[in-house]
Amino acid sequence: MGPWHVGLIVLLVGIGACGGAGDVTVLEAESMLSVSIPGTAGGRTTTDTDPPRVTRLFDVTGDWNAVSVAIADAAQAAGWTIESVNCVGTGNDVIARKNVDGTWLLLESGAGTRGAGIIVSIASAQRPPKAFQATGSCPRALESAAQES
């Protein structure tokens, strides 16, 4: 391998490292990560760079079904398009997408008997949201909140 190959590899690694840091900065700026969710306490936040994502975890102090509705309402207010809700016996998930400066972000959130959480990441599939879909036995209030625009 010639010296220019080594230089090119170093340059590409450096660009990749900077891109990851930039991605995290974009994610940390997302308003969904600082929203107050009624029925929760805490709000511990962690940031990962590989892959870039920011996670915020809460304790649920009230009814977790109501917390799920509050998350869906907050996502809608922050400009996210909810593409699905998945409801099982011990929790509800809300999945949404948002385009920020040409990049699709993915919001994965949920609330249940063990707490609540919000994860914001760069969507691996860079595409608009799919048509809304609900699976499981979702509370009517959650489906309504998820479909509001």
C-alpha atoms as a PDB file:
ATOM      1  CA  MET A   1       0.000   0.000   0.000  1.00  0.00           C
ATOM      2  CA  GLY A   2       1.483   3.348  -1.057  1.00  0.00           C
ATOM      3  CA  PRO A   3       1.725   6.431   1.186  1.00  0.00           C
ATOM      4  CA  TRP A   4      -1.250   8.053  -0.546  1.00  0.00           C
ATOM      5  CA  HIS A   5      -3.413   5.023   0.366  1.00  0.00           C
ATOM      6  CA  VAL A   6      -2.522   5.465   4.036  1.00  0.00           C
ATOM      7  CA  GLY A   7      -3.284   9.180   3.803  1.00  0.00           C
ATOM      8  CA  LEU A   8      -6.649   8.479   2.174  1.00  0.00           C
ATOM      9  CA  ILE A   9      -7.558   5.921   4.847  1.00  0.00           C
ATOM     10  CA  VAL A  10      -6.618   8.355   7.632  1.00  0.00           C
ATOM     11  CA  LEU A  11      -8.689  11.088   5.953  1.00  0.00           C
ATOM     12  CA  LEU A  12     -11.732   8.811   5.562  1.00  0.00           C
ATOM     13  CA  VAL A  13     -11.511   7.608   9.169  1.00  0.00           C
ATOM     14  CA  GLY A  14     -11.269  11.222  10.327  1.00  0.00           C
ATOM     15  CA  ILE A  15     -14.289  12.248   8.258  1.00  0.00           C
ATOM     16  CA  GLY A  16     -16.264   9.280   9.589  1.00  0.00           C
ATOM     17  CA  ALA A  17     -15.391  10.166  13.175  1.00  0.00           C
ATOM     18  CA  CYS A  18     -16.445  13.776  12.668  1.00  0.00           C
ATOM     19  CA  GLY A  19     -19.682  12.681  10.991  1.00  0.00           C
ATOM     20  CA  GLY A  20     -20.597  10.552  14.016  1.00  0.00           C
ATOM     21  CA  ALA A  21     -20.023  13.470  16.384  1.00  0.00           C
ATOM     22  CA  GLY A  22     -22.129  15.724  14.149  1.00  0.00           C
ATOM     23  CA  ASP A  23     -24.913  13.147  14.110  1.00  0.00           C
ATOM     24  CA  VAL A  24     -24.962  13.033  17.906  1.00  0.00           C
ATOM     25  CA  THR A  25     -25.097  16.837  18.060  1.00  0.00           C
ATOM     26  CA  VAL A  26     -28.145  16.835  15.751  1.00  0.00           C
ATOM     27  CA  LEU A  27     -29.794  14.173  17.905  1.00  0.00           C
ATOM     28  CA  GLU A  28     -29.043  15.940  21.208  1.00  0.00           C
ATOM     29  CA  ALA A  29     -30.723  19.086  19.851  1.00  0.00           C
ATOM     30  CA  GLU A  30     -34.026  17.238  19.269  1.00  0.00           C
ATOM     31  CA  SER A  31     -36.724  18.855  21.418  1.00  0.00           C
ATOM     32  CA  MET A  32     -38.375  15.482  22.137  1.00  0.00           C
ATOM     33  CA  LEU A  33     -35.480  14.703  24.483  1.00  0.00           C
ATOM     34  CA  SER A  34     -36.233  17.659  26.747  1.00  0.00           C
ATOM     35  CA  VAL A  35     -40.025  17.521  26.771  1.00  0.00           C
ATOM     36  CA  SER A  36     -41.805  17.033  30.077  1.00  0.00           C
ATOM     37  CA  ILE A  37     -43.895  13.840  30.035  1.00  0.00           C
ATOM     38  CA  PRO A  38     -46.765  13.897  32.567  1.00  0.00           C
ATOM     39  CA  GLY A  39     -46.796  10.797  34.764  1.00  0.00           C
ATOM     40  CA  THR A  40     -43.002  10.359  34.706  1.00  0.00           C
ATOM     41  CA  ALA A  41     -40.087  11.289  36.931  1.00  0.00           C
ATOM     42  CA  GLY A  42     -36.360  11.199  36.421  1.00  0.00           C
ATOM     43  CA  GLY A  43     -35.117  11.605  32.898  1.00  0.00           C
ATOM     44  CA  ARG A  44     -31.671   9.980  32.805  1.00  0.00           C
ATOM     45  CA  THR A  45     -30.030  10.639  29.421  1.00  0.00           C
ATOM     46  CA  THR A  46     -27.269   8.664  27.709  1.00  0.00           C
ATOM     47  CA  THR A  47     -25.546   9.306  24.392  1.00  0.00           C
ATOM     48  CA  ASP A  48     -23.962   6.679  22.149  1.00  0.00           C
ATOM     49  CA  THR A  49     -21.874   7.425  19.066  1.00  0.00           C
ATOM     50  CA  ASP A  50     -21.771   3.998  17.402  1.00  0.00           C
ATOM     51  CA  PRO A  51     -24.455   3.976  16.195  1.00  0.00           C
ATOM     52  CA  PRO A  52     -25.393   7.589  17.008  1.00  0.00           C
ATOM     53  CA  ARG A  53     -28.371   7.702  19.375  1.00  0.00           C
ATOM     54  CA  VAL A  54     -29.608   9.502  22.457  1.00  0.00           C
ATOM     55  CA  THR A  55     -31.701   7.664  25.042  1.00  0.00           C
ATOM     56  CA  ARG A  56     -33.783   9.197  27.826  1.00  0.00           C
ATOM     57  CA  LEU A  57     -35.256   6.895  30.490  1.00  0.00           C
ATOM     58  CA  PHE A  58     -37.966   7.730  33.020  1.00  0.00           C
ATOM     59  CA  ASP A  59     -39.692   6.201  36.000  1.00  0.00           C
ATOM     60  CA  VAL A  60     -43.447   5.953  35.502  1.00  0.00           C
ATOM     61  CA  THR A  61     -45.253   7.534  38.453  1.00  0.00           C
ATOM     62  CA  GLY A  62     -48.766   7.346  37.027  1.00  0.00           C
ATOM     63  CA  ASP A  63     -50.742   5.208  34.608  1.00  0.00           C
ATOM     64  CA  TRP A  64     -48.391   3.963  31.878  1.00  0.00           C
ATOM     65  CA  ASN A  65     -51.189   4.013  29.290  1.00  0.00           C
ATOM     66  CA  ALA A  66     -51.609   7.749  29.953  1.00  0.00           C
ATOM     67  CA  VAL A  67     -47.827   8.167  29.665  1.00  0.00           C
ATOM     68  CA  SER A  68     -47.968   6.498  26.229  1.00  0.00           C
ATOM     69  CA  VAL A  69     -50.617   8.998  25.135  1.00  0.00           C
ATOM     70  CA  ALA A  70     -48.499  11.879  26.496  1.00  0.00           C
ATOM     71  CA  ILE A  71     -45.483  10.626  24.504  1.00  0.00           C
ATOM     72  CA  ALA A  72     -47.586  10.435  21.317  1.00  0.00           C
ATOM     73  CA  ASP A  73     -48.969  13.949  21.948  1.00  0.00           C
ATOM     74  CA  ALA A  74     -45.458  15.327  22.578  1.00  0.00           C
ATOM     75  CA  ALA A  75     -44.109  13.668  19.420  1.00  0.00           C
ATOM     76  CA  GLN A  76     -46.894  15.168  17.312  1.00  0.00           C
ATOM     77  CA  ALA A  77     -46.281  18.616  18.846  1.00  0.00           C
ATOM     78  CA  ALA A  78     -42.536  18.311  18.086  1.00  0.00           C
ATOM     79  CA  GLY A  79     -43.207  17.626  14.390  1.00  0.00           C
ATOM     80  CA  TRP A  80     -42.797  13.849  14.327  1.00  0.00           C
ATOM     81  CA  THR A  81     -44.999  11.647  12.139  1.00  0.00           C
ATOM     82  CA  ILE A  82     -46.054   8.540  14.020  1.00  0.00           C
ATOM     83  CA  GLU A  83     -45.982   5.480  11.808  1.00  0.00           C
ATOM     84  CA  SER A  84     -46.898   2.832  14.353  1.00  0.00           C
ATOM     85  CA  VAL A  85     -48.006   1.948  17.837  1.00  0.00           C
ATOM     86  CA  ASN A  86     -47.532  -1.515  19.249  1.00  0.00           C
ATOM     87  CA  CYS A  87     -49.395  -2.459  22.403  1.00  0.00           C
ATOM     88  CA  VAL A  88     -48.791  -5.564  24.493  1.00  0.00           C
ATOM     89  CA  GLY A  89     -49.944  -6.512  27.966  1.00  0.00           C
ATOM     90  CA  THR A  90     -47.114  -4.714  29.797  1.00  0.00           C
ATOM     91  CA  GLY A  91     -46.361  -1.722  27.585  1.00  0.00           C
ATOM     92  CA  ASN A  92     -47.019   0.412  24.541  1.00  0.00           C
ATOM     93  CA  ASP A  93     -44.490   1.476  21.883  1.00  0.00           C
ATOM     94  CA  VAL A  94     -44.687   4.565  19.671  1.00  0.00           C
ATOM     95  CA  ILE A  95     -42.488   4.695  16.539  1.00  0.00           C
ATOM     96  CA  ALA A  96     -42.152   7.931  14.551  1.00  0.00           C
ATOM     97  CA  ARG A  97     -39.988   9.651  11.924  1.00  0.00           C
ATOM     98  CA  LYS A  98     -38.951  13.238  11.351  1.00  0.00           C
ATOM     99  CA  ASN A  99     -36.924  14.866   8.588  1.00  0.00           C
ATOM    100  CA  VAL A 100     -34.282  17.312   9.825  1.00  0.00           C
ATOM    101  CA  ASP A 101     -32.259  19.062   7.128  1.00  0.00           C
ATOM    102  CA  GLY A 102     -32.681  16.162   4.694  1.00  0.00           C
ATOM    103  CA  THR A 103     -31.915  13.397   7.220  1.00  0.00           C
ATOM    104  CA  TRP A 104     -34.628  11.115   8.597  1.00  0.00           C
ATOM    105  CA  LEU A 105     -34.536  10.647  12.356  1.00  0.00           C
ATOM    106  CA  LEU A 106     -36.191   7.725  14.112  1.00  0.00           C
ATOM    107  CA  LEU A 107     -38.035   8.022  17.425  1.00  0.00           C
ATOM    108  CA  GLU A 108     -38.574   4.784  19.328  1.00  0.00           C
ATOM    109  CA  SER A 109     -40.445   5.260  22.563  1.00  0.00           C
ATOM    110  CA  GLY A 110     -42.483   3.319  24.970  1.00  0.00           C
ATOM    111  CA  ALA A 111     -44.084   3.169  28.372  1.00  0.00           C
ATOM    112  CA  GLY A 112     -45.003   0.210  30.482  1.00  0.00           C
ATOM    113  CA  THR A 113     -44.895  -1.434  33.845  1.00  0.00           C
ATOM    114  CA  ARG A 114     -41.081  -1.136  34.035  1.00  0.00           C
ATOM    115  CA  GLY A 115     -40.746   2.541  33.077  1.00  0.00           C
ATOM    116  CA  ALA A 116     -40.674   4.723  29.976  1.00  0.00           C
ATOM    117  CA  GLY A 117     -38.065   5.667  27.424  1.00  0.00           C
ATOM    118  CA  ILE A 118     -37.356   7.709  24.327  1.00  0.00           C
ATOM    119  CA  ILE A 119     -34.613   6.854  21.831  1.00  0.00           C
ATOM    120  CA  VAL A 120     -33.739   9.262  19.010  1.00  0.00           C
ATOM    121  CA  SER A 121     -31.394   8.015  16.288  1.00  0.00           C
ATOM    122  CA  ILE A 122     -30.519   8.471  12.629  1.00  0.00           C
ATOM    123  CA  ALA A 123     -32.962   6.193  10.788  1.00  0.00           C
ATOM    124  CA  SER A 124     -31.075   3.330   9.160  1.00  0.00           C
ATOM    125  CA  ALA A 125     -33.688   3.346   6.378  1.00  0.00           C
ATOM    126  CA  GLN A 126     -33.689   6.914   5.078  1.00  0.00           C
ATOM    127  CA  ARG A 127     -37.340   7.061   4.004  1.00  0.00           C
ATOM    128  CA  PRO A 128     -40.531   8.905   4.911  1.00  0.00           C
ATOM    129  CA  PRO A 129     -42.865   7.335   7.487  1.00  0.00           C
ATOM    130  CA  LYS A 130     -45.026   4.428   6.405  1.00  0.00           C
ATOM    131  CA  ALA A 131     -48.817   4.623   6.658  1.00  0.00           C
ATOM    132  CA  PHE A 132     -49.959   4.488  10.293  1.00  0.00           C
ATOM    133  CA  GLN A 133     -50.424   1.032  11.752  1.00  0.00           C
ATOM    134  CA  ALA A 134     -51.550  -0.126  15.209  1.00  0.00           C
ATOM    135  CA  THR A 135     -50.828  -3.623  16.462  1.00  0.00           C
ATOM    136  CA  GLY A 136     -51.945  -5.313  19.639  1.00  0.00           C
ATOM    137  CA  SER A 137     -54.663  -4.127  22.001  1.00  0.00           C
ATOM    138  CA  CYS A 138     -54.008  -0.379  22.030  1.00  0.00           C
ATOM    139  CA  PRO A 139     -56.068   2.003  24.142  1.00  0.00           C
ATOM    140  CA  ARG A 140     -58.351   4.101  21.941  1.00  0.00           C
ATOM    141  CA  ALA A 141     -56.805   7.288  23.402  1.00  0.00           C
ATOM    142  CA  LEU A 142     -53.339   6.206  22.215  1.00  0.00           C
ATOM    143  CA  GLU A 143     -54.480   5.398  18.687  1.00  0.00           C
ATOM    144  CA  SER A 144     -56.293   8.751  18.511  1.00  0.00           C
ATOM    145  CA  ALA A 145     -53.273  10.681  19.788  1.00  0.00           C
ATOM    146  CA  ALA A 146     -50.959   8.869  17.369  1.00  0.00           C
ATOM    147  CA  GLN A 147     -53.104   9.713  14.345  1.00  0.00           C
ATOM    148  CA  GLU A 148     -53.670  13.421  15.082  1.00  0.00           C
ATOM    149  CA  SER A 149     -51.920  15.850  12.785  1.00  0.00           C
END
